[in-house]
Protein backbone atom coordinates (compact mmCIF):
# COMPACT_ATOMS: atom_id res chain seq x y z
CA MET A 1 -0.06 -0.15 -0.09
CA SER A 2 1.44 3.27 -0.88
CA GLN A 3 1.87 6.20 1.39
CA THR A 4 -0.75 8.36 -0.24
CA THR A 5 -3.12 5.50 -0.02
CA SER A 6 -2.70 4.77 3.61
CA LYS A 7 -3.24 8.61 4.40
CA THR A 8 -6.38 8.20 2.43
CA VAL A 9 -7.49 5.22 4.72
CA LYS A 10 -6.67 6.88 7.68
CA ALA A 11 -8.05 10.03 6.92
CA ALA A 12 -11.64 8.24 5.94
CA GLY A 13 -11.39 6.23 9.23
CA LYS A 14 -11.10 9.46 11.36
CA LYS A 15 -14.05 11.03 9.37
CA ILE A 16 -16.20 7.80 9.99
CA ALA A 17 -15.12 7.83 13.84
CA ILE A 18 -16.13 11.63 14.08
CA ASP A 19 -19.32 11.07 12.29
CA ILE A 20 -20.11 8.16 15.02
CA ILE A 21 -19.31 10.52 17.65
CA VAL A 22 -21.52 13.36 16.43
CA GLY A 23 -24.42 10.81 15.85
CA LEU A 24 -24.28 9.46 19.24
CA LEU A 25 -24.04 13.00 20.90
CA CYS A 26 -27.12 13.98 18.65
CA VAL A 27 -29.00 11.02 19.80
CA GLY A 28 -28.05 11.71 23.14
CA VAL A 29 -29.07 15.34 23.15
CA PHE A 30 -32.32 14.28 21.45
CA TYR A 31 -32.99 11.62 24.36
CA VAL A 32 -32.66 14.40 27.09
CA THR A 33 -34.57 17.18 25.42
CA HIS A 34 -37.32 14.99 24.26
CA TYR A 35 -37.61 12.31 26.89
CA LEU A 36 -36.27 13.75 30.26
CA ILE A 37 -37.23 17.58 30.15
CA PRO A 38 -40.75 18.44 29.84
CA SER A 39 -41.71 21.91 28.35
CA LYS A 40 -45.06 23.23 28.44
CA ALA A 41 -47.64 23.77 25.50
CA SER A 42 -51.45 23.94 25.44
CA GLY A 43 -53.92 21.23 24.66
CA ASP A 44 -57.41 20.06 24.97
CA TYR A 45 -58.23 16.65 26.64
CA THR A 46 -61.77 14.70 26.62
CA ILE A 47 -63.40 14.25 29.71
CA ILE A 48 -65.70 11.53 29.77
CA SER A 49 -68.77 11.47 32.14
CA SER A 50 -70.35 8.61 33.88
CA ALA A 51 -73.25 9.24 31.50
CA ALA A 52 -71.06 8.95 28.57
CA THR A 53 -71.21 12.72 27.70
CA THR A 54 -68.14 14.43 26.87
CA THR A 55 -66.58 17.92 27.31
CA ALA A 56 -63.31 19.27 26.52
CA ALA A 57 -61.03 20.68 28.97
CA SER A 58 -58.32 23.04 28.20
CA THR A 59 -55.01 22.37 30.53
CA SER A 60 -51.71 23.19 30.42
CA THR A 61 -49.87 20.62 28.45
CA THR A 62 -46.75 19.77 26.42
CA ASN A 63 -47.24 18.08 23.34
CA THR A 64 -43.79 17.64 21.31
CA ASN A 65 -44.27 13.79 20.55
CA THR A 66 -41.42 11.63 19.08
CA GLN A 67 -41.37 8.46 16.95
CA SER A 68 -43.22 5.60 19.00
CA THR A 69 -42.15 2.36 19.76
CA SER A 70 -44.16 -0.78 20.70
CA ALA A 71 -45.81 -0.89 24.26
CA ASN A 72 -45.06 -4.64 24.51
CA THR A 73 -41.57 -4.34 26.00
CA SER A 74 -40.53 -5.08 29.48
CA ASP A 75 -37.18 -3.15 30.30
CA THR A 76 -36.74 -0.22 27.88
CA SER A 77 -38.44 3.08 27.89
CA ASN A 78 -39.69 5.33 25.39
CA SER A 79 -42.03 8.11 26.06
CA GLU A 80 -43.55 11.63 25.18
CA THR A 81 -43.03 14.98 26.16
CA THR A 82 -46.56 15.90 27.14
CA GLU A 83 -47.33 17.58 30.66
CA VAL A 84 -50.88 17.86 32.42
CA SER A 85 -51.69 18.22 36.03
CA THR A 86 -54.15 15.54 36.85
CA THR A 87 -55.21 17.98 39.84
CA ASP A 88 -57.17 19.77 37.03
CA VAL A 89 -59.12 16.85 35.40
CA ALA A 90 -59.17 13.66 37.44
CA THR A 91 -60.96 12.21 40.26
CA SER A 92 -59.67 12.29 43.85
CA THR A 93 -60.51 11.03 47.14
CA THR A 94 -63.91 12.72 46.86
CA ALA A 95 -66.17 11.55 43.76
CA SER A 96 -69.83 11.27 43.01
CA LYS A 97 -70.80 7.79 43.08
CA VAL A 98 -72.01 6.32 39.81
CA THR A 99 -72.87 2.77 40.45
CA ASP A 100 -74.19 0.97 43.50
CA TRP A 101 -73.21 -2.69 44.02
CA SER A 102 -73.62 -2.71 47.57
CA GLU A 103 -76.70 -5.02 47.85
CA LYS A 104 -75.53 -7.10 45.03
CA PHE A 105 -72.27 -7.91 47.03
CA ALA A 106 -73.60 -7.41 50.42
CA ASP A 107 -71.96 -10.56 51.93
CA LYS A 108 -68.56 -9.04 51.02
CA PHE A 109 -68.75 -5.76 52.85
CA THR A 110 -68.81 -4.82 56.47
CA ASP A 111 -70.64 -2.02 58.22
CA THR A 112 -67.25 -1.00 59.43
CA VAL A 113 -63.71 -1.21 58.40
CA VAL A 114 -62.27 -4.81 59.18
CA GLN A 115 -58.54 -5.20 58.54
CA THR A 116 -55.94 -7.90 58.55
CA ASP A 117 -52.81 -8.49 57.06
CA SER A 118 -54.21 -10.02 53.96
CA SER A 119 -57.81 -8.85 53.95
CA TYR A 120 -59.78 -5.55 54.16
CA THR A 121 -63.43 -4.87 54.22
CA SER A 122 -65.58 -1.77 54.68
CA PRO A 123 -68.96 -0.60 53.50
CA ASP A 124 -67.69 -0.10 49.89
CA VAL A 125 -64.61 -2.14 49.55
CA SER A 126 -63.55 -5.95 49.93
CA ILE A 127 -60.04 -6.94 49.29
CA THR A 128 -58.60 -10.36 50.14
CA ILE A 129 -54.98 -11.11 49.14
CA GLU A 130 -53.53 -14.75 48.39
CA ASN A 131 -49.88 -15.59 47.95
CA VAL A 132 -49.69 -19.10 46.02
CA THR A 133 -46.82 -20.97 45.10
CA THR A 134 -46.70 -23.90 42.52
CA GLU A 135 -44.50 -26.47 41.28
CA SER A 136 -40.86 -26.75 42.71
CA GLY A 137 -37.38 -26.36 42.07
CA SER A 138 -36.25 -24.33 39.16
CA SER A 139 -39.91 -24.21 38.20
CA GLN A 140 -41.25 -22.75 41.02
CA ILE A 141 -43.59 -19.99 40.63
CA SER A 142 -44.95 -17.58 43.35
CA TYR A 143 -47.96 -15.26 42.80
CA TYR A 144 -50.24 -12.86 44.34
CA VAL A 145 -54.03 -12.49 43.65
CA ALA A 146 -56.04 -9.59 45.23
CA ASP A 147 -59.72 -10.50 44.80
CA ILE A 148 -61.46 -7.20 44.54
CA TYR A 149 -64.99 -6.03 45.19
CA VAL A 150 -66.19 -2.63 45.13
CA ALA A 151 -69.53 -1.04 45.92
CA ASP A 152 -68.90 1.84 43.64
CA ILE A 153 -66.69 2.08 40.36
CA THR A 154 -65.06 5.20 41.90
CA CYS A 155 -63.31 3.10 44.32
CA PHE A 156 -61.45 1.68 41.47
CA GLN A 157 -58.98 4.30 40.06
CA THR A 158 -55.59 4.97 38.64
CA ALA A 159 -52.85 7.46 39.43
CA LEU A 160 -50.10 9.18 37.40
CA ALA A 161 -46.59 9.71 39.00
CA LYS A 162 -46.33 13.42 40.54
CA ASP A 163 -50.01 13.93 39.73
CA THR A 164 -48.71 14.79 36.18
CA TYR A 165 -49.21 13.14 32.69
CA GLY A 166 -45.98 13.64 30.75
CA THR A 167 -42.26 12.46 30.11
CA GLY A 168 -39.99 12.15 33.12
CA TYR A 169 -42.62 11.63 35.66
CA LYS A 170 -41.94 8.52 37.58
CA ASP A 171 -42.38 7.31 41.13
CA THR A 172 -42.54 4.05 43.14
CA ILE A 173 -45.84 2.53 43.43
CA SER A 174 -45.80 2.60 47.27
CA ASN A 175 -45.40 6.67 46.93
CA MET A 176 -48.22 6.84 44.49
CA ALA A 177 -50.21 4.64 46.73
CA SER A 178 -49.46 6.87 49.67
CA ASP A 179 -50.21 9.90 47.80
CA ASN A 180 -53.78 8.75 46.89
CA ASN A 181 -54.64 7.21 50.04
CA ALA A 182 -54.77 3.87 48.28
CA ILE A 183 -55.79 0.50 50.29
CA LEU A 184 -54.15 -1.53 47.34
CA ALA A 185 -52.21 -0.56 44.49
CA THR A 186 -50.09 -2.06 41.46
CA ASN A 187 -48.24 -0.81 38.66
CA GLY A 188 -50.15 -0.10 35.38
CA ASP A 189 -49.26 -0.30 31.72
CA TYR A 190 -46.17 2.27 32.02
CA TYR A 191 -47.83 4.43 29.40
CA SER A 192 -44.78 6.69 28.86
CA TYR A 193 -42.76 3.58 27.26
CA SER A 194 -44.44 4.97 23.80
CA ASN A 195 -45.70 8.06 22.71
CA GLU A 196 -48.70 6.11 21.12
CA GLY A 197 -51.64 4.11 22.14
CA ILE A 198 -54.86 4.75 24.23
CA VAL A 199 -54.42 6.43 27.59
CA ILE A 200 -57.78 7.11 29.66
CA ARG A 201 -57.19 8.02 33.27
CA ASN A 202 -60.30 8.41 35.59
CA GLY A 203 -62.41 9.42 32.64
CA VAL A 204 -59.84 11.76 31.06
CA VAL A 205 -58.64 10.79 27.70
CA TYR A 206 -54.82 11.95 27.50
CA ARG A 207 -54.00 10.10 24.51
CA SER A 208 -55.68 8.56 21.44
CA ALA A 209 -53.15 7.51 19.19
CA GLN A 210 -53.79 3.78 18.34
CA THR A 211 -51.31 1.19 18.01
CA ASP A 212 -51.41 -2.28 16.77
CA ALA A 213 -51.40 -3.52 20.66
CA ASP A 214 -54.61 -4.97 22.31
CA VAL A 215 -56.26 -2.34 24.19
CA CYS A 216 -58.17 -2.91 27.72
CA VAL A 217 -61.11 -0.76 28.76
CA LEU A 218 -62.87 -0.38 32.06
CA TYR A 219 -66.38 1.30 31.64
CA TYR A 220 -68.04 3.45 34.04
CA ASP A 221 -70.79 0.71 34.34
CA GLY A 222 -68.30 -1.57 35.74
CA THR A 223 -67.68 -3.62 32.72
CA MET A 224 -64.21 -4.41 31.27
CA LYS A 225 -63.46 -5.39 27.80
CA THR A 226 -60.23 -6.00 25.57
CA PHE A 227 -59.80 -5.26 21.90
CA SER A 228 -57.50 -6.04 19.43
CA GLY A 229 -55.60 -2.75 18.04
CA SER A 230 -57.58 -2.98 14.75
CA GLU A 231 -60.99 -3.31 16.39
CA PHE A 232 -60.75 -0.77 19.20
CA ASP A 233 -62.71 2.66 18.18
CA ILE A 234 -61.84 5.65 20.40
CA ASP A 235 -65.13 7.36 19.67
CA GLU A 236 -67.07 4.19 20.66
CA ALA A 237 -65.28 3.69 23.76
CA ILE A 238 -65.84 7.54 24.52
CA ASN A 239 -69.57 7.24 23.87
CA ASP A 240 -69.85 3.95 25.70
CA GLY A 241 -68.62 5.81 28.65
CA ALA A 242 -64.86 4.41 29.14
CA TYR A 243 -63.39 5.26 32.47
CA GLN A 244 -60.03 3.67 32.32
CA ALA A 245 -57.90 2.47 29.23
CA TRP A 246 -54.57 0.64 29.14
CA THR A 247 -52.34 -0.18 26.08
CA PHE A 248 -49.86 -2.96 26.85
CA GLY A 249 -51.09 -6.44 26.73
CA PRO A 250 -51.94 -8.70 25.20
CA MET A 251 -55.44 -9.76 26.23
CA LEU A 252 -55.26 -13.12 28.19
CA LEU A 253 -58.72 -14.68 27.54
CA ASP A 254 -60.96 -15.28 24.43
CA ASP A 255 -64.52 -13.76 24.51
CA SER A 256 -65.96 -16.85 26.36
CA GLY A 257 -63.27 -16.39 29.08
CA ASN A 258 -61.49 -19.28 27.99
CA ALA A 259 -57.51 -19.55 28.01
CA ILE A 260 -55.76 -18.85 24.71
CA THR A 261 -52.38 -20.03 23.09
CA SER A 262 -51.80 -17.20 20.38
CA PHE A 263 -50.93 -14.02 21.74
CA ASN A 264 -50.37 -10.46 20.13
CA ALA A 265 -47.04 -10.00 21.64
CA SER A 266 -43.28 -10.80 20.71
CA LYS A 267 -41.65 -14.38 21.76
CA ARG A 268 -39.60 -12.22 24.21
CA LEU A 269 -42.64 -11.28 25.84
CA GLN A 270 -44.34 -14.32 26.01
CA SER A 271 -41.50 -16.22 28.00
CA LYS A 272 -41.23 -16.35 31.67
CA ASN A 273 -41.45 -13.09 33.33
CA PRO A 274 -42.50 -11.31 36.53
CA ARG A 275 -46.05 -10.35 35.52
CA THR A 276 -48.86 -7.79 36.59
CA ALA A 277 -52.48 -8.44 35.22
CA ILE A 278 -55.94 -7.55 35.76
CA GLY A 279 -58.90 -9.92 35.45
CA TYR A 280 -62.62 -9.15 35.44
CA TYR A 281 -65.49 -11.29 36.81
CA GLU A 282 -68.67 -9.01 36.37
CA PRO A 283 -69.38 -5.37 37.21
CA GLY A 284 -67.91 -4.67 40.57
CA HIS A 285 -65.76 -7.72 40.77
CA TYR A 286 -62.33 -7.81 39.62
CA CYS A 287 -58.77 -9.19 40.60
CA LEU A 288 -55.23 -7.91 40.40
CA VAL A 289 -52.47 -10.49 39.89
CA THR A 290 -48.55 -10.00 40.44
CA VAL A 291 -46.13 -12.63 39.66
CA ASP A 292 -42.87 -12.78 41.12
CA GLY A 293 -40.02 -13.86 38.41
CA ARG A 294 -36.19 -13.67 37.57
CA ASP A 295 -35.53 -15.27 41.03
CA ASP A 296 -34.53 -18.53 42.58
CA ASP A 297 -37.88 -18.86 44.37
CA SER A 298 -40.13 -17.68 41.52
CA ALA A 299 -39.25 -18.41 37.85
CA GLY A 300 -42.17 -16.26 36.59
CA MET A 301 -45.04 -17.07 34.12
CA THR A 302 -45.48 -17.45 30.30
CA LEU A 303 -48.37 -15.53 28.69
CA THR A 304 -49.75 -19.16 28.48
CA ASN A 305 -49.38 -19.84 32.13
CA LEU A 306 -50.83 -16.37 32.86
CA SER A 307 -53.83 -16.96 30.43
CA ASN A 308 -54.30 -20.40 32.23
CA LEU A 309 -54.29 -19.03 35.67
CA PHE A 310 -57.22 -16.39 34.93
CA GLU A 311 -59.08 -19.27 33.17
CA GLU A 312 -58.90 -21.21 36.31
CA LEU A 313 -59.87 -18.20 38.59
CA GLY A 314 -62.86 -17.82 36.64
CA CYS A 315 -62.34 -14.35 35.13
CA THR A 316 -64.51 -13.48 31.87
CA SER A 317 -61.84 -10.99 30.70
CA ALA A 318 -58.06 -10.41 31.68
CA TYR A 319 -55.18 -8.24 30.32
CA ASN A 320 -51.36 -8.36 30.78
CA LEU A 321 -50.05 -5.10 31.94
CA ASP A 322 -46.29 -3.99 32.39
CA GLY A 323 -44.23 -6.65 34.01
CA GLY A 324 -40.45 -7.16 34.37
CA LYS A 325 -39.09 -4.95 37.23
CA SER A 326 -42.21 -2.78 37.11
CA SER A 327 -44.24 -5.66 38.57
CA VAL A 328 -45.07 -4.33 42.16
CA MET A 329 -48.18 -4.86 44.58
CA THR A 330 -48.69 -2.80 47.74
CA TYR A 331 -51.30 -3.14 50.32
CA ASP A 332 -51.81 -0.73 53.33
CA GLY A 333 -48.40 0.92 52.41
CA THR A 334 -46.34 -2.13 52.07
CA VAL A 335 -44.95 -3.95 49.19
CA VAL A 336 -46.46 -7.40 49.12
CA ASN A 337 -44.83 -9.47 46.44
CA ASN A 338 -40.79 -9.60 45.65
CA PRO A 339 -40.17 -7.27 42.81
CA VAL A 340 -36.94 -7.82 40.96
CA ASN A 341 -34.18 -5.83 42.51
CA GLY A 342 -36.60 -4.14 44.55
CA GLY A 343 -38.58 -2.86 41.43
CA ARG A 344 -38.39 0.19 39.57
CA GLN A 345 -40.43 3.42 39.53
CA SER A 346 -43.02 3.78 37.04
CA SER A 347 -45.47 6.54 35.29
CA ASP A 348 -48.55 5.14 36.60
CA CYS A 349 -50.51 2.58 38.76
CA ILE A 350 -53.92 1.01 39.47
CA LEU A 351 -55.45 1.81 42.97
CA ILE A 352 -58.36 0.74 45.30
CA LYS A 353 -59.41 3.31 47.63
CA GLU A 354 -62.16 4.66 49.75
CA VAL A 355 -64.22 7.48 48.06
CA THR A 356 -66.53 9.74 49.97
CA GLU A 357 -68.93 11.99 48.02
């Protein structure tokens, strides 16, 4: 190789190295400015009333969306730069009751609060938590089932980290539970993984950009349904009185409440993992499940395992939420399960609480 050729090759190599460094710096700057630092802008959010009538709520928001990624991921994060305080639009400890299942489930409620280490009953809420261990050795699985009855749907709420919808807002499930006076709480769908996907929280439509991911909707009348991304219709959901909606998935049961073996999820997501999922029996009766995993004491569940579990529980609909390190259940201020490496902060949670009019 001639000296001239050698110099040319070295120069080309330096240029490539510089281009790579500049590219990485650009990616870093983009990530910080678009994912970690919220900036404000104005926007309108739809508020869905319990009678399924809607109004537009003007709030102070930030909306500089970036390219989306799939919500079906366990340990990588992608989010949007949108900020809106939930104190402006969401329900809280005080709310107007919209349903009444107190007589229907009279045998589940008590006239006064009765609480143990694994159960809670009151005139409006009944929670029983069971820890189940199956198999043994390397196949052992430990999971927690919170069986839930509520006299009114407003006892079933969601919360956002720092009471704010947007990028960079994360907190522990314990803190969110405490801030919202929750009796029981689990992580939700970690909506900020993606800047697409349906986000409805306590009757507020924060995001209506659809994806191919399955969607789970809890309605004001207490019913819960799951949809494929292609069959979900946001306008129909609003008109039908959607109260909560999550985008992660997949759905875990068919329309008849039977276990399924084919899932709208990547192979990685279908393998053994820590899990959080929600199950539905009938209006006013639900369950929340967390599964420990990636640990010597619990291998985690495949989606097939999880689907079979919800069929065994007798649920008519069930939906997989964010898992992995996010899977956390708290009861009365204490973490119930054994999260991977102590768990991680999340952008949102599901909670059961007492509500006064």
